Amino acid sequence: MDHKQAAEKRARTLLQNNTLCVLATATLRGKPEAATVLYAEGRDMNVYIQTSFEHRKYAHLKANPQASVVVTEAPYTLQMDGSMQELSGPAAERAKTLLIAKRGPSRFDASPRAYFRFTPNWIRVLLDPKAWPPLYVVIKG
């Protein structure tokens, strides 16, 4: 297995084994915000999240869909840049189903929520944290 194949396997494992990620967003003027959020993974390393319509991340994502996602399971990290798309109708229901299946039911499930799909266009994985310098492998972008 070469480095890229090993990094792709590590990335999928990180996504499958964890429920929390850091989501970084920004206003159009560049004011950043980072939040730890629950997620569910989909095909092609897409990530699904939900948020309240009142949270800053919702306003940021509506104005600027560019975002970054980081999943960490020490000592490994998965870093992704990409774009968010707000989902509606059956796509939002599918995202909600994926999230509930991954994390279990929540008191927020009955309240109005916005559902988003993150599609990465750049993915980097910390493959060997013991190497010096640490071995990062870009697997997309």
N, C-alpha and C. Protein backbone atom coordinates (compact mmCIF):
# COMPACT_ATOMS: atom_id res chain seq x y z
N MET A 1 0.84 -1.17 0.00
CA MET A 1 0.00 0.00 0.00
C MET A 1 0.89 1.24 0.00
N ASP A 2 0.67 2.15 -0.96
CA ASP A 2 1.47 3.37 -1.01
C ASP A 2 0.92 4.41 -0.01
N HIS A 3 1.62 5.55 0.10
CA HIS A 3 1.22 6.57 1.08
C HIS A 3 -0.19 7.09 0.82
N LYS A 4 -0.53 7.33 -0.46
CA LYS A 4 -1.85 7.88 -0.76
C LYS A 4 -2.95 6.89 -0.38
N GLN A 5 -2.77 5.62 -0.69
CA GLN A 5 -3.78 4.62 -0.32
C GLN A 5 -3.90 4.50 1.20
N ALA A 6 -2.78 4.53 1.90
CA ALA A 6 -2.80 4.45 3.36
C ALA A 6 -3.48 5.69 3.95
N ALA A 7 -3.24 6.85 3.36
CA ALA A 7 -3.87 8.08 3.85
C ALA A 7 -5.37 8.07 3.59
N GLU A 8 -5.80 7.57 2.44
CA GLU A 8 -7.24 7.46 2.15
C GLU A 8 -7.91 6.53 3.15
N LYS A 9 -7.26 5.42 3.46
CA LYS A 9 -7.81 4.47 4.44
C LYS A 9 -7.89 5.14 5.81
N ARG A 10 -6.85 5.85 6.22
CA ARG A 10 -6.83 6.54 7.51
C ARG A 10 -7.94 7.59 7.56
N ALA A 11 -8.14 8.35 6.47
CA ALA A 11 -9.18 9.37 6.42
C ALA A 11 -10.56 8.76 6.62
N ARG A 12 -10.84 7.68 5.93
CA ARG A 12 -12.15 7.02 6.07
C ARG A 12 -12.35 6.48 7.48
N THR A 13 -11.29 5.93 8.06
CA THR A 13 -11.36 5.42 9.43
C THR A 13 -11.64 6.55 10.42
N LEU A 14 -10.95 7.67 10.25
CA LEU A 14 -11.19 8.82 11.13
C LEU A 14 -12.64 9.29 11.04
N LEU A 15 -13.16 9.38 9.82
CA LEU A 15 -14.54 9.83 9.65
C LEU A 15 -15.53 8.84 10.27
N GLN A 16 -15.29 7.56 10.08
CA GLN A 16 -16.21 6.55 10.59
C GLN A 16 -16.17 6.41 12.11
N ASN A 17 -15.00 6.57 12.71
CA ASN A 17 -14.83 6.29 14.13
C ASN A 17 -15.15 7.47 15.05
N ASN A 18 -15.42 8.62 14.50
CA ASN A 18 -15.64 9.81 15.32
C ASN A 18 -17.00 10.43 15.02
N THR A 19 -17.45 11.27 15.95
CA THR A 19 -18.74 11.95 15.78
C THR A 19 -18.61 13.47 15.81
N LEU A 20 -17.44 13.96 16.25
CA LEU A 20 -17.24 15.40 16.36
C LEU A 20 -16.16 15.88 15.39
N CYS A 21 -16.40 17.06 14.85
CA CYS A 21 -15.39 17.72 14.02
C CYS A 21 -15.38 19.19 14.39
N VAL A 22 -14.32 19.86 13.99
CA VAL A 22 -14.28 21.32 14.10
C VAL A 22 -14.65 21.86 12.73
N LEU A 23 -15.65 22.71 12.71
CA LEU A 23 -16.10 23.37 11.48
C LEU A 23 -15.68 24.83 11.55
N ALA A 24 -14.90 25.25 10.58
CA ALA A 24 -14.46 26.65 10.50
C ALA A 24 -15.18 27.34 9.35
N THR A 25 -15.78 28.48 9.67
CA THR A 25 -16.48 29.29 8.67
C THR A 25 -15.95 30.72 8.78
N ALA A 26 -16.38 31.56 7.85
CA ALA A 26 -15.98 32.97 7.90
C ALA A 26 -17.03 33.82 7.20
N THR A 27 -17.13 35.06 7.65
CA THR A 27 -17.99 36.01 6.96
C THR A 27 -17.33 36.37 5.64
N LEU A 28 -18.05 37.09 4.80
CA LEU A 28 -17.46 37.55 3.54
C LEU A 28 -16.30 38.51 3.78
N ARG A 29 -16.28 39.17 4.92
CA ARG A 29 -15.18 40.07 5.26
C ARG A 29 -14.02 39.35 5.93
N GLY A 30 -14.16 38.03 6.13
CA GLY A 30 -13.06 37.25 6.66
C GLY A 30 -13.07 37.03 8.16
N LYS A 31 -14.12 37.46 8.86
CA LYS A 31 -14.19 37.22 10.30
C LYS A 31 -14.45 35.73 10.53
N PRO A 32 -13.52 35.03 11.18
CA PRO A 32 -13.64 33.58 11.32
C PRO A 32 -14.50 33.16 12.51
N GLU A 33 -14.98 31.95 12.43
CA GLU A 33 -15.63 31.29 13.56
C GLU A 33 -15.32 29.80 13.44
N ALA A 34 -15.01 29.18 14.55
CA ALA A 34 -14.80 27.73 14.57
C ALA A 34 -15.69 27.15 15.67
N ALA A 35 -16.31 26.03 15.37
CA ALA A 35 -17.20 25.38 16.34
C ALA A 35 -17.04 23.88 16.24
N THR A 36 -17.14 23.23 17.38
CA THR A 36 -17.16 21.77 17.40
C THR A 36 -18.61 21.35 17.15
N VAL A 37 -18.80 20.50 16.16
CA VAL A 37 -20.15 20.06 15.78
C VAL A 37 -20.19 18.54 15.59
N LEU A 38 -21.37 17.99 15.78
CA LEU A 38 -21.60 16.59 15.46
C LEU A 38 -21.71 16.46 13.94
N TYR A 39 -21.27 15.34 13.41
CA TYR A 39 -21.35 15.14 11.96
C TYR A 39 -21.66 13.68 11.66
N ALA A 40 -22.06 13.46 10.43
CA ALA A 40 -22.18 12.11 9.86
C ALA A 40 -21.48 12.16 8.52
N GLU A 41 -20.83 11.07 8.16
CA GLU A 41 -20.11 11.03 6.89
C GLU A 41 -20.97 10.38 5.82
N GLY A 42 -20.71 10.80 4.59
CA GLY A 42 -21.38 10.22 3.44
C GLY A 42 -20.34 9.70 2.46
N ARG A 43 -20.79 9.48 1.25
CA ARG A 43 -19.87 9.02 0.21
C ARG A 43 -18.89 10.12 -0.17
N ASP A 44 -17.79 9.73 -0.74
CA ASP A 44 -16.78 10.68 -1.24
C ASP A 44 -16.28 11.62 -0.15
N MET A 45 -16.32 11.15 1.09
CA MET A 45 -15.87 11.91 2.26
C MET A 45 -16.67 13.19 2.47
N ASN A 46 -17.91 13.23 1.99
CA ASN A 46 -18.80 14.33 2.31
C ASN A 46 -19.15 14.23 3.79
N VAL A 47 -19.43 15.37 4.39
CA VAL A 47 -19.78 15.45 5.81
C VAL A 47 -21.11 16.18 5.92
N TYR A 48 -21.99 15.67 6.76
CA TYR A 48 -23.29 16.29 6.99
C TYR A 48 -23.34 16.85 8.40
N ILE A 49 -23.85 18.08 8.51
CA ILE A 49 -24.00 18.70 9.83
C ILE A 49 -25.39 19.32 9.91
N GLN A 50 -25.78 19.62 11.14
CA GLN A 50 -27.01 20.38 11.35
C GLN A 50 -26.69 21.55 12.27
N THR A 51 -27.48 22.60 12.15
CA THR A 51 -27.29 23.76 13.02
C THR A 51 -28.60 24.50 13.17
N SER A 52 -28.65 25.32 14.17
CA SER A 52 -29.80 26.19 14.39
C SER A 52 -29.74 27.36 13.42
N PHE A 53 -30.89 27.84 13.04
CA PHE A 53 -30.95 29.01 12.15
C PHE A 53 -30.41 30.26 12.85
N GLU A 54 -30.34 30.24 14.17
CA GLU A 54 -29.87 31.41 14.93
C GLU A 54 -28.35 31.42 15.17
N HIS A 55 -27.66 30.34 14.90
CA HIS A 55 -26.22 30.29 15.18
C HIS A 55 -25.42 31.07 14.13
N ARG A 56 -24.27 31.57 14.56
CA ARG A 56 -23.41 32.34 13.65
C ARG A 56 -23.01 31.52 12.43
N LYS A 57 -22.76 30.22 12.65
CA LYS A 57 -22.30 29.42 11.51
C LYS A 57 -23.34 29.38 10.40
N TYR A 58 -24.62 29.42 10.77
CA TYR A 58 -25.67 29.42 9.73
C TYR A 58 -25.56 30.69 8.89
N ALA A 59 -25.47 31.84 9.54
CA ALA A 59 -25.35 33.11 8.81
C ALA A 59 -24.08 33.13 7.96
N HIS A 60 -22.99 32.63 8.51
CA HIS A 60 -21.73 32.60 7.75
C HIS A 60 -21.87 31.72 6.51
N LEU A 61 -22.44 30.53 6.69
CA LEU A 61 -22.55 29.60 5.57
C LEU A 61 -23.51 30.09 4.48
N LYS A 62 -24.53 30.83 4.88
CA LYS A 62 -25.44 31.39 3.89
C LYS A 62 -24.73 32.47 3.06
N ALA A 63 -23.88 33.26 3.72
CA ALA A 63 -23.17 34.34 3.03
C ALA A 63 -21.93 33.84 2.30
N ASN A 64 -21.27 32.84 2.88
CA ASN A 64 -19.99 32.36 2.35
C ASN A 64 -19.93 30.85 2.56
N PRO A 65 -20.21 30.06 1.54
CA PRO A 65 -20.27 28.61 1.72
C PRO A 65 -18.92 27.91 1.86
N GLN A 66 -17.82 28.65 1.77
CA GLN A 66 -16.50 28.04 1.93
C GLN A 66 -16.27 27.71 3.40
N ALA A 67 -15.76 26.51 3.66
CA ALA A 67 -15.57 26.07 5.04
C ALA A 67 -14.40 25.09 5.11
N SER A 68 -13.98 24.85 6.34
CA SER A 68 -12.96 23.84 6.61
C SER A 68 -13.47 22.94 7.71
N VAL A 69 -13.07 21.67 7.65
CA VAL A 69 -13.46 20.66 8.63
C VAL A 69 -12.19 19.95 9.09
N VAL A 70 -12.08 19.74 10.40
CA VAL A 70 -10.96 18.99 10.97
C VAL A 70 -11.52 17.91 11.89
N VAL A 71 -11.07 16.68 11.66
CA VAL A 71 -11.41 15.55 12.53
C VAL A 71 -10.10 15.07 13.13
N THR A 72 -10.09 14.93 14.45
CA THR A 72 -8.88 14.50 15.16
C THR A 72 -9.17 13.29 16.02
N GLU A 73 -8.32 12.31 15.91
CA GLU A 73 -8.28 11.18 16.84
C GLU A 73 -6.79 10.98 17.10
N ALA A 74 -6.35 11.60 18.19
CA ALA A 74 -4.91 11.66 18.48
C ALA A 74 -4.26 10.30 18.30
N PRO A 75 -3.14 10.28 17.58
CA PRO A 75 -2.35 11.40 17.10
C PRO A 75 -2.64 11.79 15.64
N TYR A 76 -3.73 11.30 15.07
CA TYR A 76 -4.00 11.53 13.65
C TYR A 76 -4.99 12.67 13.45
N THR A 77 -4.86 13.37 12.31
CA THR A 77 -5.81 14.41 11.96
C THR A 77 -6.17 14.30 10.48
N LEU A 78 -7.37 14.73 10.20
CA LEU A 78 -7.90 14.84 8.85
C LEU A 78 -8.32 16.29 8.67
N GLN A 79 -7.73 16.96 7.68
CA GLN A 79 -8.04 18.36 7.41
C GLN A 79 -8.65 18.46 6.03
N MET A 80 -9.79 19.16 5.93
CA MET A 80 -10.46 19.28 4.65
C MET A 80 -10.94 20.72 4.43
N ASP A 81 -10.77 21.21 3.22
CA ASP A 81 -11.35 22.48 2.79
C ASP A 81 -12.37 22.15 1.71
N GLY A 82 -13.43 22.95 1.65
CA GLY A 82 -14.44 22.72 0.64
C GLY A 82 -15.58 23.69 0.76
N SER A 83 -16.75 23.25 0.31
CA SER A 83 -17.91 24.12 0.34
C SER A 83 -19.11 23.40 0.96
N MET A 84 -19.98 24.21 1.55
CA MET A 84 -21.19 23.73 2.18
C MET A 84 -22.39 24.06 1.31
N GLN A 85 -23.34 23.14 1.30
CA GLN A 85 -24.59 23.37 0.59
C GLN A 85 -25.73 23.10 1.55
N GLU A 86 -26.61 24.08 1.71
CA GLU A 86 -27.78 23.86 2.56
C GLU A 86 -28.73 22.90 1.85
N LEU A 87 -29.23 21.95 2.59
CA LEU A 87 -30.10 20.92 2.03
C LEU A 87 -31.55 21.21 2.39
N SER A 88 -32.45 20.74 1.53
CA SER A 88 -33.88 20.87 1.81
C SER A 88 -34.59 19.62 1.31
N GLY A 89 -35.84 19.46 1.71
CA GLY A 89 -36.65 18.35 1.26
C GLY A 89 -36.04 17.00 1.60
N PRO A 90 -36.10 16.05 0.64
CA PRO A 90 -35.59 14.71 0.90
C PRO A 90 -34.10 14.67 1.24
N ALA A 91 -33.32 15.58 0.68
CA ALA A 91 -31.88 15.59 0.98
C ALA A 91 -31.65 15.98 2.45
N ALA A 92 -32.41 16.92 2.96
CA ALA A 92 -32.30 17.31 4.38
C ALA A 92 -32.76 16.16 5.28
N GLU A 93 -33.82 15.48 4.89
CA GLU A 93 -34.30 14.34 5.68
C GLU A 93 -33.27 13.22 5.70
N ARG A 94 -32.60 13.00 4.57
CA ARG A 94 -31.54 11.97 4.52
C ARG A 94 -30.39 12.35 5.45
N ALA A 95 -30.01 13.62 5.44
CA ALA A 95 -28.94 14.09 6.32
C ALA A 95 -29.35 13.90 7.79
N LYS A 96 -30.58 14.24 8.11
CA LYS A 96 -31.07 14.07 9.48
C LYS A 96 -31.03 12.60 9.89
N THR A 97 -31.44 11.72 8.98
CA THR A 97 -31.41 10.28 9.25
C THR A 97 -29.99 9.79 9.49
N LEU A 98 -29.04 10.25 8.67
CA LEU A 98 -27.64 9.86 8.84
C LEU A 98 -27.10 10.34 10.20
N LEU A 99 -27.43 11.58 10.56
CA LEU A 99 -26.96 12.13 11.83
C LEU A 99 -27.54 11.36 13.03
N ILE A 100 -28.83 11.07 12.98
CA ILE A 100 -29.45 10.32 14.09
C ILE A 100 -28.87 8.92 14.18
N ALA A 101 -28.65 8.28 13.03
CA ALA A 101 -28.08 6.93 13.02
C ALA A 101 -26.68 6.92 13.62
N LYS A 102 -25.92 7.98 13.40
CA LYS A 102 -24.54 8.02 13.89
C LYS A 102 -24.46 8.38 15.37
N ARG A 103 -25.22 9.37 15.80
CA ARG A 103 -25.08 9.88 17.16
C ARG A 103 -26.22 9.52 18.10
N GLY A 104 -27.31 8.97 17.56
CA GLY A 104 -28.47 8.69 18.39
C GLY A 104 -29.41 9.88 18.40
N PRO A 105 -30.62 9.70 18.96
CA PRO A 105 -31.59 10.80 18.99
C PRO A 105 -31.13 11.93 19.90
N SER A 106 -31.63 13.13 19.60
CA SER A 106 -31.27 14.33 20.36
C SER A 106 -32.54 15.13 20.63
N ARG A 107 -32.50 15.91 21.68
CA ARG A 107 -33.63 16.78 21.98
C ARG A 107 -33.82 17.84 20.90
N PHE A 108 -32.80 18.07 20.09
CA PHE A 108 -32.88 19.07 19.03
C PHE A 108 -33.56 18.54 17.77
N ASP A 109 -33.76 17.24 17.65
CA ASP A 109 -34.29 16.66 16.42
C ASP A 109 -35.67 17.18 16.05
N ALA A 110 -36.46 17.55 17.05
CA ALA A 110 -37.82 18.04 16.77
C ALA A 110 -37.86 19.54 16.48
N SER A 111 -36.79 20.25 16.79
CA SER A 111 -36.77 21.71 16.57
C SER A 111 -36.32 22.02 15.14
N PRO A 112 -36.71 23.18 14.64
CA PRO A 112 -36.28 23.54 13.28
C PRO A 112 -34.76 23.62 13.20
N ARG A 113 -34.20 22.94 12.22
CA ARG A 113 -32.75 22.88 12.03
C ARG A 113 -32.43 23.07 10.55
N ALA A 114 -31.24 23.57 10.31
CA ALA A 114 -30.71 23.64 8.95
C ALA A 114 -29.73 22.49 8.78
N TYR A 115 -29.78 21.83 7.65
CA TYR A 115 -28.89 20.71 7.34
C TYR A 115 -28.00 21.11 6.17
N PHE A 116 -26.71 20.77 6.30
CA PHE A 116 -25.73 21.11 5.27
C PHE A 116 -24.91 19.88 4.89
N ARG A 117 -24.49 19.87 3.62
CA ARG A 117 -23.52 18.87 3.15
C ARG A 117 -22.24 19.59 2.81
N PHE A 118 -21.15 19.13 3.42
CA PHE A 118 -19.81 19.65 3.14
C PHE A 118 -19.19 18.75 2.08
N THR A 119 -18.74 19.35 0.98
CA THR A 119 -18.07 18.62 -0.09
C THR A 119 -16.63 19.09 -0.16
N PRO A 120 -15.68 18.21 0.19
CA PRO A 120 -14.28 18.64 0.20
C PRO A 120 -13.69 18.76 -1.20
N ASN A 121 -12.85 19.79 -1.38
CA ASN A 121 -12.08 19.90 -2.62
C ASN A 121 -10.58 19.79 -2.35
N TRP A 122 -10.22 19.71 -1.06
CA TRP A 122 -8.83 19.52 -0.64
C TRP A 122 -8.86 18.70 0.65
N ILE A 123 -8.07 17.64 0.68
CA ILE A 123 -8.02 16.76 1.85
C ILE A 123 -6.57 16.42 2.16
N ARG A 124 -6.19 16.60 3.43
CA ARG A 124 -4.85 16.26 3.89
C ARG A 124 -4.97 15.44 5.16
N VAL A 125 -4.13 14.39 5.25
CA VAL A 125 -4.17 13.47 6.38
C VAL A 125 -2.78 13.41 7.01
N LEU A 126 -2.75 13.46 8.34
CA LEU A 126 -1.50 13.21 9.06
C LEU A 126 -1.36 11.69 9.12
N LEU A 127 -0.48 11.17 8.30
CA LEU A 127 -0.33 9.72 8.17
C LEU A 127 0.65 9.14 9.18
N ASP A 128 1.77 9.82 9.39
CA ASP A 128 2.77 9.31 10.32
C ASP A 128 3.22 10.43 11.25
N PRO A 129 2.57 10.53 12.43
CA PRO A 129 2.92 11.60 13.36
C PRO A 129 4.27 11.41 14.03
N LYS A 130 4.86 10.22 13.94
CA LYS A 130 6.15 9.96 14.60
C LYS A 130 7.33 10.33 13.72
N ALA A 131 7.09 10.49 12.43
CA ALA A 131 8.16 10.88 11.51
C ALA A 131 8.55 12.33 11.78
N TRP A 132 9.79 12.68 11.44
CA TRP A 132 10.18 14.07 11.53
C TRP A 132 10.75 14.53 10.22
N PRO A 133 10.16 15.51 9.58
CA PRO A 133 8.91 16.14 10.00
C PRO A 133 7.74 15.16 9.85
N PRO A 134 6.63 15.42 10.55
CA PRO A 134 5.47 14.52 10.46
C PRO A 134 5.04 14.35 9.00
N LEU A 135 4.57 13.16 8.66
CA LEU A 135 4.20 12.86 7.27
C LEU A 135 2.73 13.18 7.02
N TYR A 136 2.49 14.27 6.29
CA TYR A 136 1.16 14.63 5.84
C TYR A 136 1.03 14.20 4.39
N VAL A 137 -0.14 13.69 4.02
CA VAL A 137 -0.37 13.28 2.64
C VAL A 137 -1.64 13.97 2.13
N VAL A 138 -1.52 14.69 1.03
CA VAL A 138 -2.68 15.30 0.39
C VAL A 138 -3.31 14.23 -0.51
N ILE A 139 -4.57 13.95 -0.27
CA ILE A 139 -5.24 12.91 -1.07
C ILE A 139 -6.27 13.48 -2.04
N LYS A 140 -6.49 14.79 -1.94
CA LYS A 140 -7.39 15.45 -2.91
C LYS A 140 -7.02 16.91 -2.98
N GLY A 141 -7.00 17.44 -4.20
CA GLY A 141 -6.75 18.86 -4.39
C GLY A 141 -5.32 19.24 -4.63
